[in-house]
Amino acid sequence: MGMFTSINIAATGMSVERLRTDVISNNIANASTTRTPEGGKFQRSTVILESRDGLQYRGVYTPEQYDNGAGSGVRVSAIQVDTSEGRLVYDPTHPDAIKSGPHAGYVEYPNVNIVDEMVDLISASRAYEANSSVIQGAKDMFQQALEIGR
């Protein structure tokens, strides 16, 4: 394990948390978008993470994984579009209202729940701060080691 391994691992965490923040912000910004350039309503996106050594994150390391070290950081394996249905709101005057059928007059809004998105945003922010603290702690340790050598 190298001297800068902890900084490198924390830096990968900061990078993916920044991307998570961007994706969550995009979800919040488009929570009311009923028409996209691709057609249809906006659909929520989520970030899927995996360890840089190819192991899917499950939140718990097995003893075999500890034997090889705790890992080499994290990366984004995919940005996945949530295809679940959105909420229906009755508004027959809306230009995107359904014209016929049992849902005539309803508008299908995106499947974005603002409360869930805010919870995810706080989680991403806290994880970013935690990784930043790891980097600061490593820097402080290196500084103390240099002081010992004087």
C-alpha atoms as a PDB file:
ATOM      1  CA  MET A   1       0.000   0.000   0.000  1.00  0.00           C
ATOM      2  CA  GLY A   2       1.517   3.281  -1.127  1.00  0.00           C
ATOM      3  CA  MET A   3       1.753   6.522   0.713  1.00  0.00           C
ATOM      4  CA  PHE A   4      -0.939   8.225  -1.339  1.00  0.00           C
ATOM      5  CA  THR A   5      -3.354   5.283  -1.616  1.00  0.00           C
ATOM      6  CA  SER A   6      -5.848   6.733   0.869  1.00  0.00           C
ATOM      7  CA  ILE A   7      -5.873  10.045  -0.997  1.00  0.00           C
ATOM      8  CA  ASN A   8      -6.395   8.295  -4.329  1.00  0.00           C
ATOM      9  CA  ILE A   9      -9.259   6.204  -2.967  1.00  0.00           C
ATOM     10  CA  ALA A  10     -10.944   9.247  -1.381  1.00  0.00           C
ATOM     11  CA  ALA A  11     -10.484  11.197  -4.629  1.00  0.00           C
ATOM     12  CA  THR A  12     -12.415   8.530  -6.559  1.00  0.00           C
ATOM     13  CA  GLY A  13     -15.184   8.828  -3.984  1.00  0.00           C
ATOM     14  CA  MET A  14     -15.294  12.597  -4.363  1.00  0.00           C
ATOM     15  CA  SER A  15     -15.464  12.250  -8.140  1.00  0.00           C
ATOM     16  CA  VAL A  16     -18.450   9.884  -8.125  1.00  0.00           C
ATOM     17  CA  GLU A  17     -20.266  11.917  -5.464  1.00  0.00           C
ATOM     18  CA  ARG A  18     -19.885  15.025  -7.627  1.00  0.00           C
ATOM     19  CA  LEU A  19     -21.431  13.115 -10.543  1.00  0.00           C
ATOM     20  CA  ARG A  20     -24.238  11.854  -8.274  1.00  0.00           C
ATOM     21  CA  THR A  21     -24.905  15.469  -7.267  1.00  0.00           C
ATOM     22  CA  ASP A  22     -25.091  16.496 -10.928  1.00  0.00           C
ATOM     23  CA  VAL A  23     -27.526  13.689 -11.787  1.00  0.00           C
ATOM     24  CA  ILE A  24     -29.726  14.422  -8.760  1.00  0.00           C
ATOM     25  CA  SER A  25     -29.739  18.143  -9.612  1.00  0.00           C
ATOM     26  CA  ASN A  26     -30.834  17.290 -13.146  1.00  0.00           C
ATOM     27  CA  ASN A  27     -33.657  15.139 -11.753  1.00  0.00           C
ATOM     28  CA  ILE A  28     -34.848  17.987  -9.511  1.00  0.00           C
ATOM     29  CA  ALA A  29     -34.602  20.557 -12.308  1.00  0.00           C
ATOM     30  CA  ASN A  30     -36.774  18.394 -14.581  1.00  0.00           C
ATOM     31  CA  ALA A  31     -39.341  17.266 -11.997  1.00  0.00           C
ATOM     32  CA  SER A  32     -42.127  19.002 -13.952  1.00  0.00           C
ATOM     33  CA  THR A  33     -40.893  18.415 -17.514  1.00  0.00           C
ATOM     34  CA  THR A  34     -43.637  16.705 -19.479  1.00  0.00           C
ATOM     35  CA  ARG A  35     -42.026  17.067 -22.911  1.00  0.00           C
ATOM     36  CA  THR A  36     -38.410  16.319 -23.793  1.00  0.00           C
ATOM     37  CA  PRO A  37     -36.590  16.578 -27.151  1.00  0.00           C
ATOM     38  CA  GLU A  38     -36.627  12.751 -27.292  1.00  0.00           C
ATOM     39  CA  GLY A  39     -40.399  12.780 -26.802  1.00  0.00           C
ATOM     40  CA  GLY A  40     -42.444  12.014 -23.717  1.00  0.00           C
ATOM     41  CA  LYS A  41     -41.902  12.980 -20.129  1.00  0.00           C
ATOM     42  CA  PHE A  42     -38.547  13.296 -18.390  1.00  0.00           C
ATOM     43  CA  GLN A  43     -37.403  10.108 -16.657  1.00  0.00           C
ATOM     44  CA  ARG A  44     -35.383  10.060 -13.466  1.00  0.00           C
ATOM     45  CA  SER A  45     -31.772   8.841 -13.593  1.00  0.00           C
ATOM     46  CA  THR A  46     -29.673   7.121 -10.941  1.00  0.00           C
ATOM     47  CA  VAL A  47     -25.944   6.454 -10.683  1.00  0.00           C
ATOM     48  CA  ILE A  48     -24.779   2.853 -10.273  1.00  0.00           C
ATOM     49  CA  LEU A  49     -21.409   2.450  -8.527  1.00  0.00           C
ATOM     50  CA  GLU A  50     -18.877  -0.359  -8.367  1.00  0.00           C
ATOM     51  CA  SER A  51     -15.436  -0.720  -6.865  1.00  0.00           C
ATOM     52  CA  ARG A  52     -12.526   0.015  -9.200  1.00  0.00           C
ATOM     53  CA  ASP A  53     -11.418  -3.593  -8.860  1.00  0.00           C
ATOM     54  CA  GLY A  54     -14.700  -4.699 -10.458  1.00  0.00           C
ATOM     55  CA  LEU A  55     -16.628  -5.768  -7.348  1.00  0.00           C
ATOM     56  CA  GLN A  56     -20.237  -4.617  -7.116  1.00  0.00           C
ATOM     57  CA  TYR A  57     -20.849  -2.518  -4.013  1.00  0.00           C
ATOM     58  CA  ARG A  58     -23.110  -4.294  -1.551  1.00  0.00           C
ATOM     59  CA  GLY A  59     -22.152  -2.336   1.560  1.00  0.00           C
ATOM     60  CA  VAL A  60     -20.275  -5.188   3.279  1.00  0.00           C
ATOM     61  CA  TYR A  61     -16.844  -6.616   2.559  1.00  0.00           C
ATOM     62  CA  THR A  62     -16.300 -10.358   2.852  1.00  0.00           C
ATOM     63  CA  PRO A  63     -13.194 -11.730   4.638  1.00  0.00           C
ATOM     64  CA  GLU A  64     -11.684 -12.701   1.254  1.00  0.00           C
ATOM     65  CA  GLN A  65     -11.916  -9.072   0.132  1.00  0.00           C
ATOM     66  CA  TYR A  66     -10.116  -7.914   3.292  1.00  0.00           C
ATOM     67  CA  ASP A  67      -7.282 -10.309   2.471  1.00  0.00           C
ATOM     68  CA  ASN A  68      -6.722  -8.413  -0.778  1.00  0.00           C
ATOM     69  CA  GLY A  69      -7.158  -4.994   0.823  1.00  0.00           C
ATOM     70  CA  ALA A  70     -10.305  -2.939   1.163  1.00  0.00           C
ATOM     71  CA  GLY A  71     -10.289  -1.910  -2.493  1.00  0.00           C
ATOM     72  CA  SER A  72      -8.857   0.671  -4.808  1.00  0.00           C
ATOM     73  CA  GLY A  73     -11.677   3.174  -4.889  1.00  0.00           C
ATOM     74  CA  VAL A  74     -15.009   3.450  -6.611  1.00  0.00           C
ATOM     75  CA  ARG A  75     -16.213   4.279 -10.114  1.00  0.00           C
ATOM     76  CA  VAL A  76     -19.476   4.781 -11.957  1.00  0.00           C
ATOM     77  CA  SER A  77     -20.524   1.631 -13.777  1.00  0.00           C
ATOM     78  CA  ALA A  78     -23.674   3.174 -15.306  1.00  0.00           C
ATOM     79  CA  ILE A  79     -26.184   5.968 -15.199  1.00  0.00           C
ATOM     80  CA  GLN A  80     -29.473   4.139 -15.236  1.00  0.00           C
ATOM     81  CA  VAL A  81     -32.801   5.589 -16.362  1.00  0.00           C
ATOM     82  CA  ASP A  82     -35.732   4.742 -14.094  1.00  0.00           C
ATOM     83  CA  THR A  83     -38.565   3.583 -16.350  1.00  0.00           C
ATOM     84  CA  SER A  84     -41.270   3.469 -13.682  1.00  0.00           C
ATOM     85  CA  GLU A  85     -44.480   5.331 -14.366  1.00  0.00           C
ATOM     86  CA  GLY A  86     -44.886   8.942 -13.365  1.00  0.00           C
ATOM     87  CA  ARG A  87     -47.747  10.508 -11.471  1.00  0.00           C
ATOM     88  CA  LEU A  88     -50.976  11.413 -13.236  1.00  0.00           C
ATOM     89  CA  VAL A  89     -52.487  14.852 -12.634  1.00  0.00           C
ATOM     90  CA  TYR A  90     -55.862  15.864 -14.055  1.00  0.00           C
ATOM     91  CA  ASP A  91     -55.419  18.993 -16.172  1.00  0.00           C
ATOM     92  CA  PRO A  92     -57.313  18.821 -19.483  1.00  0.00           C
ATOM     93  CA  THR A  93     -56.064  22.310 -20.478  1.00  0.00           C
ATOM     94  CA  HIS A  94     -52.393  21.245 -20.416  1.00  0.00           C
ATOM     95  CA  PRO A  95     -50.909  20.858 -23.934  1.00  0.00           C
ATOM     96  CA  ASP A  96     -49.480  17.432 -23.010  1.00  0.00           C
ATOM     97  CA  ALA A  97     -52.741  16.067 -21.585  1.00  0.00           C
ATOM     98  CA  ILE A  98     -53.725  12.596 -22.762  1.00  0.00           C
ATOM     99  CA  LYS A  99     -56.320  13.076 -25.511  1.00  0.00           C
ATOM    100  CA  SER A 100     -58.276   9.820 -25.391  1.00  0.00           C
ATOM    101  CA  GLY A 101     -58.774   6.639 -23.457  1.00  0.00           C
ATOM    102  CA  PRO A 102     -59.421   6.030 -19.761  1.00  0.00           C
ATOM    103  CA  HIS A 103     -56.828   8.646 -18.760  1.00  0.00           C
ATOM    104  CA  ALA A 104     -58.128  11.397 -21.036  1.00  0.00           C
ATOM    105  CA  GLY A 105     -57.419  14.820 -19.561  1.00  0.00           C
ATOM    106  CA  TYR A 106     -54.606  13.585 -17.348  1.00  0.00           C
ATOM    107  CA  VAL A 107     -50.987  14.712 -17.676  1.00  0.00           C
ATOM    108  CA  GLU A 108     -48.246  12.236 -16.859  1.00  0.00           C
ATOM    109  CA  TYR A 109     -45.497  13.978 -14.913  1.00  0.00           C
ATOM    110  CA  PRO A 110     -41.980  12.571 -14.388  1.00  0.00           C
ATOM    111  CA  ASN A 111     -41.300   9.860 -11.825  1.00  0.00           C
ATOM    112  CA  VAL A 112     -39.245  12.281  -9.705  1.00  0.00           C
ATOM    113  CA  ASN A 113     -40.055  12.546  -6.000  1.00  0.00           C
ATOM    114  CA  ILE A 114     -38.492  15.777  -4.734  1.00  0.00           C
ATOM    115  CA  VAL A 115     -38.223  14.506  -1.137  1.00  0.00           C
ATOM    116  CA  ASP A 116     -36.336  11.365  -2.222  1.00  0.00           C
ATOM    117  CA  GLU A 117     -34.072  13.445  -4.444  1.00  0.00           C
ATOM    118  CA  MET A 118     -33.270  15.836  -1.585  1.00  0.00           C
ATOM    119  CA  VAL A 119     -32.426  12.915   0.708  1.00  0.00           C
ATOM    120  CA  ASP A 120     -30.116  11.517  -2.004  1.00  0.00           C
ATOM    121  CA  LEU A 121     -28.576  14.968  -2.482  1.00  0.00           C
ATOM    122  CA  ILE A 122     -27.832  15.286   1.241  1.00  0.00           C
ATOM    123  CA  SER A 123     -26.363  11.773   1.224  1.00  0.00           C
ATOM    124  CA  ALA A 124     -24.092  12.609  -1.732  1.00  0.00           C
ATOM    125  CA  SER A 125     -23.035  15.851  -0.073  1.00  0.00           C
ATOM    126  CA  ARG A 126     -22.174  14.097   3.201  1.00  0.00           C
ATOM    127  CA  ALA A 127     -20.222  11.386   1.380  1.00  0.00           C
ATOM    128  CA  TYR A 128     -18.287  14.075  -0.513  1.00  0.00           C
ATOM    129  CA  GLU A 129     -17.484  15.820   2.796  1.00  0.00           C
ATOM    130  CA  ALA A 130     -16.375  12.515   4.361  1.00  0.00           C
ATOM    131  CA  ASN A 131     -13.985  11.831   1.484  1.00  0.00           C
ATOM    132  CA  SER A 132     -12.685  15.378   1.758  1.00  0.00           C
ATOM    133  CA  SER A 133     -12.029  14.790   5.471  1.00  0.00           C
ATOM    134  CA  VAL A 134     -10.079  11.620   4.645  1.00  0.00           C
ATOM    135  CA  ILE A 135      -7.838  13.599   2.289  1.00  0.00           C
ATOM    136  CA  GLN A 136      -7.332  16.323   4.896  1.00  0.00           C
ATOM    137  CA  GLY A 137      -6.508  13.702   7.534  1.00  0.00           C
ATOM    138  CA  ALA A 138      -3.955  12.064   5.258  1.00  0.00           C
ATOM    139  CA  LYS A 139      -2.369  15.443   4.558  1.00  0.00           C
ATOM    140  CA  ASP A 140      -2.174  16.169   8.293  1.00  0.00           C
ATOM    141  CA  MET A 141      -0.573  12.762   8.888  1.00  0.00           C
ATOM    142  CA  PHE A 142       2.033  13.411   6.210  1.00  0.00           C
ATOM    143  CA  GLN A 143       2.763  16.806   7.756  1.00  0.00           C
ATOM    144  CA  GLN A 144       3.201  15.231  11.205  1.00  0.00           C
ATOM    145  CA  ALA A 145       5.545  12.619   9.737  1.00  0.00           C
ATOM    146  CA  LEU A 146       7.654  15.376   8.210  1.00  0.00           C
ATOM    147  CA  GLU A 147       7.759  17.186  11.574  1.00  0.00           C
ATOM    148  CA  ILE A 148       9.051  14.024  13.272  1.00  0.00           C
ATOM    149  CA  GLY A 149      11.923  13.864  10.773  1.00  0.00           C
ATOM    150  CA  ARG A 150      13.212  17.353  11.694  1.00  0.00           C
END
